Amino acid sequence: MDSKEVFHHIFVRKNYPSIVDEDYVFDIFEKCIYELSPRIEHQFNEGIPNPHVLLSYIVEEYLFLMTPLNKNMQNQLLHDEELKQRLVHSISDKIFFNEYIAYKARPLISKYNPMISSLRFYLNFVLERIVNITSNNENETLLIDMLRKTFLSCLGVTSLLIEGFETEAFSTWRTIHETECIIKILFENQYVIDTYRHHIEYNMAFRNELNDKVLQQNLIDEIKMHLKEHSLKNKDLKKYIEYGWLYSIKNYEKNYPLLKLNFRNGVEYVANLNEYTYLYEMSSEISHASPILIYYNKPFFLNISLICLYESFFRIENIFVELLKKQKKEETNAYFNMRSSYLNELKIILAKEKLEFQKISKKN
């Protein structure tokens, strides 16, 4: 079997869109191998690049170039030898620099470390289950959607940590914390969800994103009316859109006398998670490119990111469990069996990490 036949078998199995011309791609494929092989053999003592990786680069480049064009333009480019040669050089350079000599940050933890592998296993199991949850209740559906996004963000933090991006991981935890506070409030006060959803519409109207301009203007007028009701000024409009739904919580003036339209004295305060204010503010400094982003202590931010991530995960997982209890028992047995086997392991891991963090803090 010659190289063209081998290529054909690989190409067919990929099931690419019909727009992808096999002969054209094969020609670039061969030329890239001839250009790349001497470079990688000289520097890494390897023969040829991974054919699947090479093919992926070529096809993605091809689709990016051809998809927006009409048939005539596509045919013109397919016969442009100068363009083909530029593609060969470009793809070869990308593979060499992205796959062989890519710069990597120095990670302090690997994906095989139980701190990472155990949590990722659990997160993957949760995400596999959450897509199967059904509910006729719109409020529960919103909570499930928010939980799913938050679990995905938790998975994202673990990916950042194993790549050596500790400050970026901690900054992403900040978003997780914001979302978990909102989820906690909405779960404990589900009558507020309609108002929260209405404030999403306010935000769309404010950003001029609604097709119905009459409805959009009515919503803006409604916002202005509510500003007057709460003795707020026009400069508070964005704050009201983002946090004004907190005013719909029963007896908020009595139960939350210090309530303000911001995160720290609003959402975090009502969620009763103010103990994280200092960490949240530290994470905000990173998000706003303060010196802490440039000159930072890698071990510290690894530890604090893991601790914050685990603690947030436990809180949102508890809410997920409460929603799961409303599903049919036969559909949730697998999750609860797994939970009884592995959740305590995660809690032990967190306890050990906290002890380690205390030792580091005392030492420093």
Protein backbone atom coordinates (compact mmCIF):
# COMPACT_ATOMS: atom_id res chain seq x y z
CA MET A 1 0.00 0.00 0.00
CA ASP A 2 1.58 3.30 -1.10
CA SER A 3 1.50 6.57 0.84
CA LYS A 4 -1.48 7.92 -1.11
CA GLU A 5 -3.58 4.86 -0.19
CA VAL A 6 -2.58 5.10 3.47
CA PHE A 7 -3.47 8.78 3.46
CA HIS A 8 -6.82 8.03 1.80
CA HIS A 9 -7.79 5.54 4.53
CA ILE A 10 -6.94 8.09 7.25
CA PHE A 11 -8.71 10.90 5.40
CA VAL A 12 -11.94 8.95 4.85
CA ARG A 13 -12.17 7.94 8.52
CA LYS A 14 -11.99 11.60 9.56
CA ASN A 15 -15.31 12.27 7.79
CA TYR A 16 -14.42 15.86 6.87
CA PRO A 17 -16.95 18.24 5.25
CA SER A 18 -17.40 17.78 1.50
CA ILE A 19 -15.72 21.13 0.87
CA VAL A 20 -12.32 19.61 1.76
CA ASP A 21 -10.49 18.55 -1.40
CA GLU A 22 -8.55 15.34 -0.65
CA ASP A 23 -5.99 15.69 -3.46
CA TYR A 24 -5.19 19.28 -2.50
CA VAL A 25 -4.78 18.35 1.16
CA PHE A 26 -2.61 15.35 0.27
CA ASP A 27 -0.30 17.54 -1.79
CA ILE A 28 0.17 19.95 1.14
CA PHE A 29 0.53 16.96 3.50
CA GLU A 30 3.46 15.55 1.49
CA LYS A 31 5.15 18.92 1.08
CA CYS A 32 4.88 19.61 4.84
CA ILE A 33 6.48 16.25 5.64
CA TYR A 34 9.41 17.04 3.33
CA GLU A 35 9.82 20.45 4.93
CA LEU A 36 9.33 19.40 8.55
CA SER A 37 11.16 16.07 8.71
CA PRO A 38 14.73 17.46 8.43
CA ARG A 39 14.01 20.09 11.09
CA ILE A 40 12.66 17.69 13.69
CA GLU A 41 15.22 15.01 12.86
CA HIS A 42 18.08 17.45 13.29
CA GLN A 43 16.83 18.79 16.63
CA PHE A 44 14.90 15.90 18.16
CA ASN A 45 16.14 12.76 16.38
CA GLU A 46 12.62 11.96 15.22
CA GLY A 47 11.66 10.88 11.72
CA ILE A 48 8.37 12.38 10.61
CA PRO A 49 5.69 14.45 12.35
CA ASN A 50 2.56 12.76 13.70
CA PRO A 51 0.37 12.34 10.58
CA HIS A 52 -2.89 12.88 12.48
CA VAL A 53 -1.62 16.12 13.99
CA LEU A 54 -0.30 17.30 10.64
CA LEU A 55 -3.58 16.48 8.90
CA SER A 56 -5.57 18.34 11.56
CA TYR A 57 -3.48 21.48 11.10
CA ILE A 58 -3.87 21.34 7.30
CA VAL A 59 -7.63 20.74 7.27
CA GLU A 60 -8.35 23.42 9.86
CA GLU A 61 -6.25 25.90 7.87
CA TYR A 62 -8.05 24.84 4.70
CA LEU A 63 -11.53 25.25 6.21
CA PHE A 64 -10.63 28.62 7.72
CA LEU A 65 -9.52 29.82 4.28
CA MET A 66 -12.18 28.26 2.04
CA THR A 67 -15.42 28.24 4.04
CA PRO A 68 -16.31 31.95 3.62
CA LEU A 69 -15.74 31.87 -0.15
CA ASN A 70 -18.05 31.03 -3.05
CA LYS A 71 -17.32 28.09 -5.36
CA ASN A 72 -15.53 30.19 -7.99
CA MET A 73 -13.17 31.74 -5.46
CA GLN A 74 -12.47 28.34 -3.92
CA ASN A 75 -11.49 26.93 -7.33
CA GLN A 76 -9.20 29.89 -7.96
CA LEU A 77 -7.37 29.33 -4.69
CA LEU A 78 -7.05 25.60 -5.31
CA HIS A 79 -5.04 26.41 -8.42
CA ASP A 80 -2.90 29.10 -6.82
CA GLU A 81 0.53 27.49 -6.43
CA GLU A 82 1.97 30.48 -4.60
CA LEU A 83 -0.77 30.25 -1.97
CA LYS A 84 -0.17 26.51 -1.62
CA GLN A 85 3.53 27.09 -0.96
CA ARG A 86 2.73 29.78 1.64
CA LEU A 87 0.39 27.32 3.36
CA VAL A 88 3.12 24.67 3.45
CA HIS A 89 5.58 27.08 5.09
CA SER A 90 2.98 28.45 7.51
CA ILE A 91 1.68 25.04 8.62
CA SER A 92 5.21 23.64 8.97
CA ASP A 93 6.24 26.57 11.15
CA LYS A 94 3.13 26.27 13.32
CA ILE A 95 3.67 22.56 13.91
CA PHE A 96 7.36 23.01 14.68
CA PHE A 97 6.84 25.84 17.15
CA ASN A 98 3.50 24.69 18.63
CA GLU A 99 4.18 20.96 18.86
CA TYR A 100 7.94 20.63 19.23
CA ILE A 101 9.42 23.74 20.81
CA ALA A 102 6.35 25.26 22.43
CA TYR A 103 7.10 27.29 25.54
CA LYS A 104 5.60 25.76 28.67
CA ALA A 105 5.15 27.38 32.05
CA ARG A 106 6.71 25.39 34.90
CA PRO A 107 3.83 23.57 36.64
CA LEU A 108 4.05 22.69 40.33
CA ILE A 109 1.46 19.94 40.11
CA SER A 110 0.71 17.23 37.55
CA LYS A 111 -2.63 15.89 36.37
CA TYR A 112 -1.77 12.59 38.09
CA ASN A 113 -1.54 14.18 41.54
CA PRO A 114 -4.58 13.06 43.61
CA MET A 115 -5.39 16.72 44.35
CA ILE A 116 -6.10 17.10 40.64
CA SER A 117 -7.00 13.60 39.44
CA SER A 118 -9.57 12.95 42.19
CA LEU A 119 -11.38 16.23 41.70
CA ARG A 120 -11.33 15.95 37.90
CA PHE A 121 -12.73 12.43 38.12
CA TYR A 122 -15.57 13.67 40.33
CA LEU A 123 -16.22 16.72 38.14
CA ASN A 124 -16.40 14.58 35.02
CA PHE A 125 -18.87 12.27 36.72
CA VAL A 126 -21.00 15.25 37.84
CA LEU A 127 -20.98 16.80 34.37
CA GLU A 128 -21.95 13.48 32.82
CA ARG A 129 -24.92 13.28 35.20
CA ILE A 130 -26.04 16.89 35.01
CA VAL A 131 -26.74 16.79 31.27
CA ASN A 132 -29.31 14.06 31.93
CA ILE A 133 -31.27 16.01 34.54
CA THR A 134 -34.69 17.08 33.33
CA SER A 135 -37.11 19.44 34.97
CA ASN A 136 -40.42 21.04 34.02
CA ASN A 137 -39.67 23.80 36.52
CA GLU A 138 -38.06 26.83 34.82
CA ASN A 139 -36.45 27.91 38.09
CA GLU A 140 -34.76 24.56 38.55
CA THR A 141 -33.66 24.57 34.91
CA LEU A 142 -31.91 27.91 35.42
CA LEU A 143 -30.15 26.61 38.53
CA ILE A 144 -29.05 23.46 36.70
CA ASP A 145 -27.65 25.55 33.82
CA MET A 146 -25.73 27.74 36.27
CA LEU A 147 -24.39 24.71 38.14
CA ARG A 148 -23.24 23.08 34.91
CA LYS A 149 -21.32 26.20 33.89
CA THR A 150 -19.74 26.44 37.34
CA PHE A 151 -18.64 22.79 37.33
CA LEU A 152 -17.09 23.38 33.89
CA SER A 153 -15.22 26.38 35.29
CA CYS A 154 -13.92 24.18 38.13
CA LEU A 155 -12.58 21.78 35.51
CA GLY A 156 -10.97 24.76 33.78
CA VAL A 157 -9.12 25.74 36.96
CA THR A 158 -7.57 22.27 37.22
CA SER A 159 -6.39 22.56 33.59
CA LEU A 160 -4.76 25.92 34.30
CA LEU A 161 -2.98 24.56 37.37
CA ILE A 162 -1.45 21.55 35.59
CA GLU A 163 -0.19 23.93 32.87
CA GLY A 164 1.54 26.12 35.48
CA PHE A 165 -0.88 29.07 35.34
CA GLU A 166 -1.51 29.53 39.07
CA THR A 167 -2.58 33.20 39.06
CA GLU A 168 -4.89 32.60 36.11
CA ALA A 169 -6.42 29.68 37.99
CA PHE A 170 -6.99 31.86 41.04
CA SER A 171 -8.51 34.56 38.86
CA THR A 172 -10.90 32.00 37.37
CA TRP A 173 -11.87 30.91 40.88
CA ARG A 174 -13.06 34.49 41.37
CA THR A 175 -15.71 33.94 38.68
CA ILE A 176 -16.66 30.61 40.25
CA HIS A 177 -17.10 32.35 43.60
CA GLU A 178 -19.29 35.04 42.07
CA THR A 179 -21.50 32.42 40.45
CA GLU A 180 -21.70 30.17 43.51
CA CYS A 181 -22.89 33.12 45.60
CA ILE A 182 -25.69 33.84 43.12
CA ILE A 183 -26.63 30.15 42.91
CA LYS A 184 -26.76 29.90 46.72
CA ILE A 185 -29.04 32.92 47.03
CA LEU A 186 -31.37 31.77 44.26
CA PHE A 187 -31.52 28.22 45.60
CA GLU A 188 -32.39 29.41 49.11
CA ASN A 189 -34.88 32.02 47.82
CA GLN A 190 -36.32 30.46 44.68
CA TYR A 191 -39.15 33.00 44.48
CA VAL A 192 -36.43 35.53 43.50
CA ILE A 193 -35.49 33.67 40.31
CA ASP A 194 -38.17 35.33 38.15
CA THR A 195 -36.81 38.74 39.14
CA TYR A 196 -33.24 37.59 38.50
CA ARG A 197 -34.27 36.42 35.05
CA HIS A 198 -35.98 39.78 34.43
CA HIS A 199 -32.73 41.55 35.27
CA ILE A 200 -31.06 39.48 32.54
CA GLU A 201 -33.60 41.06 30.17
CA TYR A 202 -32.75 44.49 31.62
CA ASN A 203 -29.11 43.83 30.79
CA MET A 204 -29.96 42.87 27.21
CA ALA A 205 -32.07 46.02 26.80
CA PHE A 206 -29.30 48.19 28.24
CA ARG A 207 -26.84 46.69 25.74
CA ASN A 208 -29.27 47.21 22.83
CA GLU A 209 -29.43 43.45 22.16
CA LEU A 210 -33.21 43.02 21.77
CA ASN A 211 -34.78 42.84 18.32
CA ASP A 212 -38.06 44.21 19.63
CA LYS A 213 -37.11 47.88 20.15
CA VAL A 214 -40.50 48.75 21.66
CA LEU A 215 -40.01 46.08 24.34
CA GLN A 216 -36.43 47.27 24.79
CA GLN A 217 -37.54 50.85 25.46
CA ASN A 218 -40.27 49.66 27.83
CA LEU A 219 -37.67 47.72 29.82
CA ILE A 220 -35.38 50.76 30.01
CA ASP A 221 -38.32 52.89 31.21
CA GLU A 222 -39.08 50.18 33.77
CA ILE A 223 -35.49 50.32 35.05
CA LYS A 224 -35.70 54.10 35.48
CA MET A 225 -38.95 53.71 37.41
CA HIS A 226 -37.31 51.24 39.80
CA LEU A 227 -34.34 53.57 40.26
CA LYS A 228 -36.75 56.22 41.59
CA GLU A 229 -38.48 53.67 43.83
CA HIS A 230 -35.19 52.88 45.53
CA SER A 231 -33.93 56.49 45.59
CA LEU A 232 -31.14 55.63 43.18
CA LYS A 233 -29.55 57.97 40.65
CA ASN A 234 -28.88 57.47 36.94
CA LYS A 235 -25.24 56.69 37.70
CA ASP A 236 -26.49 53.64 39.66
CA LEU A 237 -28.26 52.21 36.61
CA LYS A 238 -25.66 49.53 35.79
CA LYS A 239 -25.40 48.54 39.45
CA TYR A 240 -29.18 48.17 39.63
CA ILE A 241 -29.28 46.02 36.51
CA GLU A 242 -26.58 43.72 37.89
CA TYR A 243 -27.57 43.57 41.56
CA GLY A 244 -31.03 45.13 41.92
CA TRP A 245 -32.70 41.73 41.96
CA LEU A 246 -31.49 41.45 45.57
CA TYR A 247 -34.21 43.94 46.52
CA SER A 248 -36.81 41.24 45.80
CA ILE A 249 -35.59 39.14 48.75
CA LYS A 250 -38.21 39.19 51.51
CA ASN A 251 -37.40 41.44 54.46
CA TYR A 252 -34.03 42.32 52.94
CA GLU A 253 -33.93 45.67 54.80
CA LYS A 254 -34.30 43.90 58.15
CA ASN A 255 -32.22 40.79 57.41
CA TYR A 256 -29.49 42.54 55.41
CA PRO A 257 -29.32 46.10 56.74
CA LEU A 258 -25.89 46.74 55.20
CA LEU A 259 -26.97 45.68 51.71
CA LYS A 260 -25.45 47.63 48.82
CA LEU A 261 -25.57 47.15 45.07
CA ASN A 262 -22.18 45.53 44.61
CA PHE A 263 -20.66 42.11 45.04
CA ARG A 264 -18.92 42.37 48.40
CA ASN A 265 -21.76 44.11 50.28
CA GLY A 266 -24.46 42.65 48.12
CA VAL A 267 -24.28 39.17 46.63
CA GLU A 268 -21.44 37.85 48.81
CA TYR A 269 -23.02 39.40 51.93
CA VAL A 270 -26.47 37.89 51.29
CA ALA A 271 -24.90 34.51 50.43
CA ASN A 272 -23.14 34.65 53.84
CA LEU A 273 -19.75 33.99 52.27
CA ASN A 274 -17.99 37.17 53.40
CA GLU A 275 -15.12 35.11 54.80
CA TYR A 276 -13.84 35.01 51.20
CA THR A 277 -13.82 38.79 50.74
CA TYR A 278 -10.06 39.11 51.22
CA LEU A 279 -9.32 36.30 48.77
CA TYR A 280 -11.85 37.66 46.28
CA GLU A 281 -10.21 41.09 46.40
CA MET A 282 -6.76 39.53 45.96
CA SER A 283 -8.06 37.68 42.92
CA SER A 284 -9.53 40.93 41.59
CA GLU A 285 -6.09 42.54 41.78
CA ILE A 286 -4.77 39.78 39.52
CA SER A 287 -7.64 40.33 37.08
CA HIS A 288 -6.74 44.02 36.88
CA ALA A 289 -3.04 43.39 36.15
CA SER A 290 -1.64 44.62 39.45
CA PRO A 291 2.03 43.88 40.34
CA ILE A 292 0.87 40.72 42.11
CA LEU A 293 0.23 39.23 38.64
CA ILE A 294 3.84 39.78 37.55
CA TYR A 295 5.71 39.04 40.79
CA TYR A 296 3.91 36.24 42.56
CA ASN A 297 4.67 33.24 44.73
CA LYS A 298 3.81 30.14 42.68
CA PRO A 299 3.42 27.69 45.61
CA PHE A 300 1.17 30.14 47.48
CA PHE A 301 -1.19 30.61 44.55
CA LEU A 302 -1.23 26.88 43.81
CA ASN A 303 -2.27 26.12 47.40
CA ILE A 304 -4.82 28.91 47.71
CA SER A 305 -6.34 28.14 44.31
CA LEU A 306 -6.79 24.48 45.23
CA ILE A 307 -8.28 25.25 48.63
CA CYS A 308 -10.71 27.83 47.26
CA LEU A 309 -11.63 25.56 44.36
CA TYR A 310 -12.36 22.57 46.60
CA GLU A 311 -14.43 24.61 49.06
CA SER A 312 -16.50 26.20 46.28
CA PHE A 313 -16.97 22.80 44.68
CA PHE A 314 -18.31 21.25 47.89
CA ARG A 315 -20.87 24.05 48.28
CA ILE A 316 -22.21 23.87 44.73
CA GLU A 317 -22.15 20.06 44.76
CA ASN A 318 -24.41 20.14 47.84
CA ILE A 319 -26.92 22.26 45.92
CA PHE A 320 -26.66 19.91 42.95
CA VAL A 321 -27.45 16.97 45.25
CA GLU A 322 -30.59 18.68 46.55
CA LEU A 323 -31.82 19.15 42.98
CA LEU A 324 -30.85 15.58 42.14
CA LYS A 325 -33.03 14.25 44.95
CA LYS A 326 -36.07 15.41 42.98
CA GLN A 327 -35.19 13.10 40.08
CA LYS A 328 -36.35 9.49 39.80
CA LYS A 329 -34.48 7.29 42.26
CA GLU A 330 -33.42 4.73 39.66
CA GLU A 331 -31.81 7.52 37.63
CA THR A 332 -29.78 8.88 40.55
CA ASN A 333 -28.63 5.71 42.33
CA ALA A 334 -25.33 5.59 40.43
CA TYR A 335 -24.49 9.14 41.46
CA PHE A 336 -25.26 8.66 45.13
CA ASN A 337 -23.35 5.38 45.23
CA MET A 338 -20.32 7.09 43.75
CA ARG A 339 -20.75 10.03 46.10
CA SER A 340 -20.74 7.80 49.18
CA SER A 341 -17.50 6.19 47.95
CA TYR A 342 -15.51 9.25 46.88
CA LEU A 343 -16.75 12.48 48.47
CA ASN A 344 -15.01 11.78 51.79
CA GLU A 345 -11.77 11.18 49.91
CA LEU A 346 -12.02 14.70 48.46
CA LYS A 347 -12.68 16.12 51.93
CA ILE A 348 -9.60 14.37 53.32
CA ILE A 349 -7.52 15.74 50.45
CA LEU A 350 -8.76 19.27 51.21
CA ALA A 351 -7.96 18.87 54.92
CA LYS A 352 -4.41 17.77 54.09
CA GLU A 353 -3.95 20.70 51.72
CA LYS A 354 -5.13 23.15 54.37
CA LEU A 355 -2.61 21.76 56.85
CA GLU A 356 0.15 22.08 54.27
CA PHE A 357 -0.91 25.64 53.54
CA GLN A 358 -0.78 26.53 57.24
CA LYS A 359 2.80 25.20 57.42
CA ILE A 360 3.82 27.26 54.39
CA SER A 361 2.15 30.36 55.78
CA LYS A 362 3.93 30.02 59.14
CA LYS A 363 7.26 29.43 57.42
CA ASN A 364 6.84 32.55 55.29
